[in-house]
All heavy atoms as atom14 arrays in JSON, in Angstrom:
{
  "sequence": "SSRGESLVDKRFASGTEWQSVEERLTASGVEH",
  "atom14_mask": [
    [1, 1, 1, 1, 1, 1, 0, 0, 0, 0, 0, 0, 0, 0],
    [1, 1, 1, 1, 1, 1, 0, 0, 0, 0, 0, 0, 0, 0],
    [1, 1, 1, 1, 1, 1, 1, 1, 1, 1, 1, 0, 0, 0],
    [1, 1, 1, 1, 0, 0, 0, 0, 0, 0, 0, 0, 0, 0],
    [1, 1, 1, 1, 1, 1, 1, 1, 1, 0, 0, 0, 0, 0],
    [1, 1, 1, 1, 1, 1, 0, 0, 0, 0, 0, 0, 0, 0],
    [1, 1, 1, 1, 1, 1, 1, 1, 0, 0, 0, 0, 0, 0],
    [1, 1, 1, 1, 1, 1, 1, 0, 0, 0, 0, 0, 0, 0],
    [1, 1, 1, 1, 1, 1, 1, 1, 0, 0, 0, 0, 0, 0],
    [1, 1, 1, 1, 1, 1, 1, 1, 1, 0, 0, 0, 0, 0],
    [1, 1, 1, 1, 1, 1, 1, 1, 1, 1, 1, 0, 0, 0],
    [1, 1, 1, 1, 1, 1, 1, 1, 1, 1, 1, 0, 0, 0],
    [1, 1, 1, 1, 1, 0, 0, 0, 0, 0, 0, 0, 0, 0],
    [1, 1, 1, 1, 1, 1, 0, 0, 0, 0, 0, 0, 0, 0],
    [1, 1, 1, 1, 0, 0, 0, 0, 0, 0, 0, 0, 0, 0],
    [1, 1, 1, 1, 1, 1, 1, 0, 0, 0, 0, 0, 0, 0],
    [1, 1, 1, 1, 1, 1, 1, 1, 1, 0, 0, 0, 0, 0],
    [1, 1, 1, 1, 1, 1, 1, 1, 1, 1, 1, 1, 1, 1],
    [1, 1, 1, 1, 1, 1, 1, 1, 1, 0, 0, 0, 0, 0],
    [1, 1, 1, 1, 1, 1, 0, 0, 0, 0, 0, 0, 0, 0],
    [1, 1, 1, 1, 1, 1, 1, 0, 0, 0, 0, 0, 0, 0],
    [1, 1, 1, 1, 1, 1, 1, 1, 1, 0, 0, 0, 0, 0],
    [1, 1, 1, 1, 1, 1, 1, 1, 1, 0, 0, 0, 0, 0],
    [1, 1, 1, 1, 1, 1, 1, 1, 1, 1, 1, 0, 0, 0],
    [1, 1, 1, 1, 1, 1, 1, 1, 0, 0, 0, 0, 0, 0],
    [1, 1, 1, 1, 1, 1, 1, 0, 0, 0, 0, 0, 0, 0],
    [1, 1, 1, 1, 1, 0, 0, 0, 0, 0, 0, 0, 0, 0],
    [1, 1, 1, 1, 1, 1, 0, 0, 0, 0, 0, 0, 0, 0],
    [1, 1, 1, 1, 0, 0, 0, 0, 0, 0, 0, 0, 0, 0],
    [1, 1, 1, 1, 1, 1, 1, 0, 0, 0, 0, 0, 0, 0],
    [1, 1, 1, 1, 1, 1, 1, 1, 1, 0, 0, 0, 0, 0],
    [1, 1, 1, 1, 1, 1, 1, 1, 1, 1, 0, 0, 0, 0]
  ],
  "atom14_positions": [
    [[19.75, -1.25, -5.85], [20.6, -0.36, -6.62], [19.86, 0.7, -7.38], [18.63, 0.62, -7.59], [21.41, -1.2, -7.57], [20.58, -1.8, -8.57], [0.0, 0.0, 0.0], [0.0, 0.0, 0.0], [0.0, 0.0, 0.0], [0.0, 0.0, 0.0], [0.0, 0.0, 0.0], [0.0, 0.0, 0.0], [0.0, 0.0, 0.0], [0.0, 0.0, 0.0]],
    [[20.57, 1.74, -7.79], [20.07, 2.79, -8.62], [21.16, 3.17, -9.61], [22.35, 3.01, -9.36], [19.77, 3.97, -7.75], [19.46, 5.09, -8.52], [0.0, 0.0, 0.0], [0.0, 0.0, 0.0], [0.0, 0.0, 0.0], [0.0, 0.0, 0.0], [0.0, 0.0, 0.0], [0.0, 0.0, 0.0], [0.0, 0.0, 0.0], [0.0, 0.0, 0.0]],
    [[20.78, 3.71, -10.74], [21.68, 4.13, -11.75], [22.24, 5.53, -11.47], [22.8, 6.17, -12.3], [21.08, 4.07, -13.12], [20.79, 2.65, -13.55], [20.52, 2.61, -14.99], [21.62, 2.97, -15.76], [21.68, 3.13, -17.07], [20.61, 2.97, -17.72], [22.81, 3.46, -17.68], [0.0, 0.0, 0.0], [0.0, 0.0, 0.0], [0.0, 0.0, 0.0]],
    [[21.97, 6.08, -10.25], [22.47, 7.35, -9.92], [21.42, 8.37, -9.66], [21.67, 9.45, -9.2], [0.0, 0.0, 0.0], [0.0, 0.0, 0.0], [0.0, 0.0, 0.0], [0.0, 0.0, 0.0], [0.0, 0.0, 0.0], [0.0, 0.0, 0.0], [0.0, 0.0, 0.0], [0.0, 0.0, 0.0], [0.0, 0.0, 0.0], [0.0, 0.0, 0.0]],
    [[20.17, 8.05, -9.99], [19.11, 8.99, -9.74], [18.39, 8.59, -8.41], [17.19, 8.57, -8.35], [18.04, 8.97, -10.88], [18.66, 9.25, -12.26], [19.07, 7.93, -12.95], [18.78, 6.85, -12.47], [19.75, 8.06, -14.0], [0.0, 0.0, 0.0], [0.0, 0.0, 0.0], [0.0, 0.0, 0.0], [0.0, 0.0, 0.0], [0.0, 0.0, 0.0]],
    [[19.19, 8.26, -7.4], [18.65, 7.66, -6.19], [17.59, 8.55, -5.49], [16.7, 8.0, -4.81], [19.75, 7.35, -5.21], [20.45, 8.51, -4.81], [0.0, 0.0, 0.0], [0.0, 0.0, 0.0], [0.0, 0.0, 0.0], [0.0, 0.0, 0.0], [0.0, 0.0, 0.0], [0.0, 0.0, 0.0], [0.0, 0.0, 0.0], [0.0, 0.0, 0.0]],
    [[17.64, 9.86, -5.64], [16.65, 10.66, -4.99], [15.27, 10.6, -5.67], [14.27, 10.92, -5.06], [17.09, 12.12, -4.96], [18.39, 12.34, -4.13], [18.82, 13.82, -4.24], [18.2, 11.88, -2.69], [0.0, 0.0, 0.0], [0.0, 0.0, 0.0], [0.0, 0.0, 0.0], [0.0, 0.0, 0.0], [0.0, 0.0, 0.0], [0.0, 0.0, 0.0]],
    [[15.24, 10.18, -6.94], [13.97, 10.08, -7.64], [13.65, 8.64, -8.11], [12.62, 8.43, -8.68], [13.94, 11.0, -8.87], [13.97, 12.48, -8.38], [15.06, 10.76, -9.83], [0.0, 0.0, 0.0], [0.0, 0.0, 0.0], [0.0, 0.0, 0.0], [0.0, 0.0, 0.0], [0.0, 0.0, 0.0], [0.0, 0.0, 0.0], [0.0, 0.0, 0.0]],
    [[14.57, 7.76, -7.9], [14.42, 6.38, -8.33], [13.59, 5.62, -7.3], [14.03, 5.34, -6.17], [15.78, 5.7, -8.45], [15.72, 4.35, -9.11], [14.6, 3.79, -9.23], [16.77, 3.85, -9.45], [0.0, 0.0, 0.0], [0.0, 0.0, 0.0], [0.0, 0.0, 0.0], [0.0, 0.0, 0.0], [0.0, 0.0, 0.0], [0.0, 0.0, 0.0]],
    [[12.35, 5.22, -7.69], [11.39, 4.55, -6.76], [11.91, 3.14, -6.4], [11.41, 2.56, -5.47], [10.03, 4.55, -7.3], [9.41, 5.92, -7.42], [8.02, 5.9, -8.01], [7.52, 7.32, -8.04], [6.28, 7.41, -8.71], [0.0, 0.0, 0.0], [0.0, 0.0, 0.0], [0.0, 0.0, 0.0], [0.0, 0.0, 0.0], [0.0, 0.0, 0.0]],
    [[12.81, 2.64, -7.18], [13.36, 1.3, -6.9], [14.44, 1.32, -5.84], [14.82, 0.32, -5.29], [13.98, 0.67, -8.2], [12.94, 0.44, -9.26], [13.56, 0.21, -10.57], [14.39, 1.43, -10.83], [15.04, 1.57, -11.96], [15.04, 0.7, -12.93], [15.71, 2.68, -12.18], [0.0, 0.0, 0.0], [0.0, 0.0, 0.0], [0.0, 0.0, 0.0]],
    [[14.92, 2.53, -5.49], [15.94, 2.67, -4.47], [15.27, 2.79, -3.13], [14.48, 3.69, -2.89], [16.8, 3.88, -4.76], [18.17, 3.89, -4.09], [19.08, 2.97, -4.51], [18.44, 4.77, -3.11], [20.38, 2.96, -3.89], [19.73, 4.76, -2.52], [20.65, 3.81, -2.93], [0.0, 0.0, 0.0], [0.0, 0.0, 0.0], [0.0, 0.0, 0.0]],
    [[15.56, 1.9, -2.19], [14.89, 1.86, -0.94], [15.29, 3.05, -0.06], [16.47, 3.36, 0.07], [15.3, 0.54, -0.2], [0.0, 0.0, 0.0], [0.0, 0.0, 0.0], [0.0, 0.0, 0.0], [0.0, 0.0, 0.0], [0.0, 0.0, 0.0], [0.0, 0.0, 0.0], [0.0, 0.0, 0.0], [0.0, 0.0, 0.0], [0.0, 0.0, 0.0]],
    [[14.28, 3.65, 0.57], [14.51, 4.78, 1.47], [15.04, 4.25, 2.8], [15.08, 3.03, 3.04], [13.15, 5.43, 1.75], [12.33, 4.64, 2.55], [0.0, 0.0, 0.0], [0.0, 0.0, 0.0], [0.0, 0.0, 0.0], [0.0, 0.0, 0.0], [0.0, 0.0, 0.0], [0.0, 0.0, 0.0], [0.0, 0.0, 0.0], [0.0, 0.0, 0.0]],
    [[15.49, 5.14, 3.63], [16.02, 4.75, 4.92], [15.07, 3.91, 5.73], [15.41, 2.86, 6.36], [0.0, 0.0, 0.0], [0.0, 0.0, 0.0], [0.0, 0.0, 0.0], [0.0, 0.0, 0.0], [0.0, 0.0, 0.0], [0.0, 0.0, 0.0], [0.0, 0.0, 0.0], [0.0, 0.0, 0.0], [0.0, 0.0, 0.0], [0.0, 0.0, 0.0]],
    [[13.85, 4.33, 5.74], [12.8, 3.54, 6.5], [12.56, 2.19, 5.91], [12.51, 1.19, 6.63], [11.48, 4.37, 6.48], [11.71, 5.65, 7.01], [10.38, 3.62, 7.3], [0.0, 0.0, 0.0], [0.0, 0.0, 0.0], [0.0, 0.0, 0.0], [0.0, 0.0, 0.0], [0.0, 0.0, 0.0], [0.0, 0.0, 0.0], [0.0, 0.0, 0.0]],
    [[12.49, 2.08, 4.59], [12.32, 0.81, 3.88], [13.53, -0.12, 4.15], [13.35, -1.28, 4.39], [12.1, 0.99, 2.39], [10.81, 1.7, 2.04], [10.79, 2.27, 0.67], [11.85, 2.6, 0.13], [9.67, 2.38, 0.17], [0.0, 0.0, 0.0], [0.0, 0.0, 0.0], [0.0, 0.0, 0.0], [0.0, 0.0, 0.0], [0.0, 0.0, 0.0]],
    [[14.71, 0.43, 4.08], [15.94, -0.3, 4.24], [16.01, -0.78, 5.71], [16.46, -1.94, 5.97], [17.09, 0.53, 3.86], [18.31, -0.13, 3.35], [19.59, 0.09, 3.74], [18.42, -1.25, 2.39], [20.47, -0.72, 3.05], [19.78, -1.54, 2.23], [17.49, -1.96, 1.66], [20.22, -2.51, 1.36], [17.89, -2.95, 0.8], [19.28, -3.15, 0.7]],
    [[15.57, 0.01, 6.69], [15.53, -0.39, 8.06], [14.6, -1.55, 8.24], [14.87, -2.5, 9.01], [15.21, 0.78, 8.95], [15.14, 0.43, 10.44], [16.51, 0.04, 10.96], [17.53, 0.46, 10.58], [16.49, -0.94, 11.93], [0.0, 0.0, 0.0], [0.0, 0.0, 0.0], [0.0, 0.0, 0.0], [0.0, 0.0, 0.0], [0.0, 0.0, 0.0]],
    [[13.47, -1.53, 7.6], [12.52, -2.61, 7.67], [13.07, -3.95, 7.16], [12.84, -5.03, 7.73], [11.26, -2.24, 6.9], [10.31, -3.3, 6.87], [0.0, 0.0, 0.0], [0.0, 0.0, 0.0], [0.0, 0.0, 0.0], [0.0, 0.0, 0.0], [0.0, 0.0, 0.0], [0.0, 0.0, 0.0], [0.0, 0.0, 0.0], [0.0, 0.0, 0.0]],
    [[13.82, -3.89, 6.02], [14.51, -5.06, 5.5], [15.48, -5.58, 6.54], [15.53, -6.8, 6.81], [15.2, -4.75, 4.14], [16.1, -5.92, 3.73], [14.21, -4.39, 3.1], [0.0, 0.0, 0.0], [0.0, 0.0, 0.0], [0.0, 0.0, 0.0], [0.0, 0.0, 0.0], [0.0, 0.0, 0.0], [0.0, 0.0, 0.0], [0.0, 0.0, 0.0]],
    [[16.29, -4.73, 7.15], [17.27, -5.12, 8.15], [16.59, -5.84, 9.32], [17.0, -6.87, 9.76], [18.05, -3.93, 8.64], [18.95, -4.2, 9.86], [20.13, -5.03, 9.51], [20.71, -4.99, 8.45], [20.45, -5.95, 10.36], [0.0, 0.0, 0.0], [0.0, 0.0, 0.0], [0.0, 0.0, 0.0], [0.0, 0.0, 0.0], [0.0, 0.0, 0.0]],
    [[15.46, -5.25, 9.77], [14.73, -5.88, 10.88], [14.18, -7.22, 10.53], [14.21, -8.17, 11.34], [13.6, -4.91, 11.32], [14.08, -3.7, 12.01], [12.99, -2.6, 12.19], [11.87, -2.85, 11.81], [13.35, -1.53, 12.71], [0.0, 0.0, 0.0], [0.0, 0.0, 0.0], [0.0, 0.0, 0.0], [0.0, 0.0, 0.0], [0.0, 0.0, 0.0]],
    [[13.7, -7.33, 9.26], [13.14, -8.68, 8.83], [14.25, -9.71, 8.79], [14.01, -10.89, 9.17], [12.46, -8.5, 7.45], [12.0, -9.8, 6.8], [10.98, -10.51, 7.66], [10.6, -11.79, 7.1], [11.04, -12.96, 7.53], [11.84, -13.05, 8.58], [10.65, -14.1, 7.0], [0.0, 0.0, 0.0], [0.0, 0.0, 0.0], [0.0, 0.0, 0.0]],
    [[15.45, -9.35, 8.29], [16.56, -10.27, 8.21], [17.0, -10.66, 9.61], [17.3, -11.82, 9.87], [17.63, -9.63, 7.38], [17.34, -9.52, 5.92], [18.36, -8.56, 5.24], [17.46, -10.9, 5.25], [0.0, 0.0, 0.0], [0.0, 0.0, 0.0], [0.0, 0.0, 0.0], [0.0, 0.0, 0.0], [0.0, 0.0, 0.0], [0.0, 0.0, 0.0]],
    [[17.12, -9.66, 10.49], [17.59, -9.95, 11.87], [16.59, -10.92, 12.49], [17.06, -11.88, 13.19], [17.7, -8.63, 12.68], [18.66, -7.82, 11.99], [18.15, -8.94, 14.13], [0.0, 0.0, 0.0], [0.0, 0.0, 0.0], [0.0, 0.0, 0.0], [0.0, 0.0, 0.0], [0.0, 0.0, 0.0], [0.0, 0.0, 0.0], [0.0, 0.0, 0.0]],
    [[15.32, -10.73, 12.32], [14.32, -11.6, 12.96], [14.4, -13.02, 12.36], [14.11, -14.0, 13.1], [12.89, -11.03, 12.71], [0.0, 0.0, 0.0], [0.0, 0.0, 0.0], [0.0, 0.0, 0.0], [0.0, 0.0, 0.0], [0.0, 0.0, 0.0], [0.0, 0.0, 0.0], [0.0, 0.0, 0.0], [0.0, 0.0, 0.0], [0.0, 0.0, 0.0]],
    [[14.83, -13.15, 11.14], [14.92, -14.46, 10.54], [16.13, -15.29, 11.03], [16.15, -16.5, 10.87], [15.04, -14.32, 9.01], [16.37, -13.91, 8.62], [0.0, 0.0, 0.0], [0.0, 0.0, 0.0], [0.0, 0.0, 0.0], [0.0, 0.0, 0.0], [0.0, 0.0, 0.0], [0.0, 0.0, 0.0], [0.0, 0.0, 0.0], [0.0, 0.0, 0.0]],
    [[17.11, -14.62, 11.61], [18.29, -15.31, 12.05], [19.27, -15.69, 11.01], [20.3, -16.31, 11.17], [0.0, 0.0, 0.0], [0.0, 0.0, 0.0], [0.0, 0.0, 0.0], [0.0, 0.0, 0.0], [0.0, 0.0, 0.0], [0.0, 0.0, 0.0], [0.0, 0.0, 0.0], [0.0, 0.0, 0.0], [0.0, 0.0, 0.0], [0.0, 0.0, 0.0]],
    [[19.01, -15.23, 9.73], [19.89, -15.51, 8.63], [21.13, -14.58, 8.68], [20.95, -13.35, 8.88], [19.15, -15.32, 7.28], [20.13, -15.36, 6.09], [18.1, -16.38, 7.13], [0.0, 0.0, 0.0], [0.0, 0.0, 0.0], [0.0, 0.0, 0.0], [0.0, 0.0, 0.0], [0.0, 0.0, 0.0], [0.0, 0.0, 0.0], [0.0, 0.0, 0.0]],
    [[22.33, -15.12, 8.43], [23.47, -14.29, 8.3], [23.26, -13.47, 7.03], [22.87, -14.01, 5.98], [24.74, -15.13, 8.13], [26.0, -14.33, 8.04], [27.24, -15.19, 7.73], [27.16, -16.44, 7.89], [28.26, -14.58, 7.36], [0.0, 0.0, 0.0], [0.0, 0.0, 0.0], [0.0, 0.0, 0.0], [0.0, 0.0, 0.0], [0.0, 0.0, 0.0]],
    [[23.47, -12.16, 7.09], [23.16, -11.31, 5.99], [24.01, -10.1, 5.82], [24.74, -9.69, 6.78], [21.64, -10.89, 6.05], [21.38, -10.04, 7.28], [21.06, -10.62, 8.46], [21.32, -8.73, 7.43], [20.86, -9.66, 9.34], [21.03, -8.49, 8.75], [0.0, 0.0, 0.0], [0.0, 0.0, 0.0], [0.0, 0.0, 0.0], [0.0, 0.0, 0.0]]
  ]
}
């Protein structure tokens, strides 16, 4: 999440980072 400053909020995952999370979850077999 971000408080609205998503373009400058380093805690907000970029598209590449978010894709990496999706790939990790898919590999784990966990419903997510």
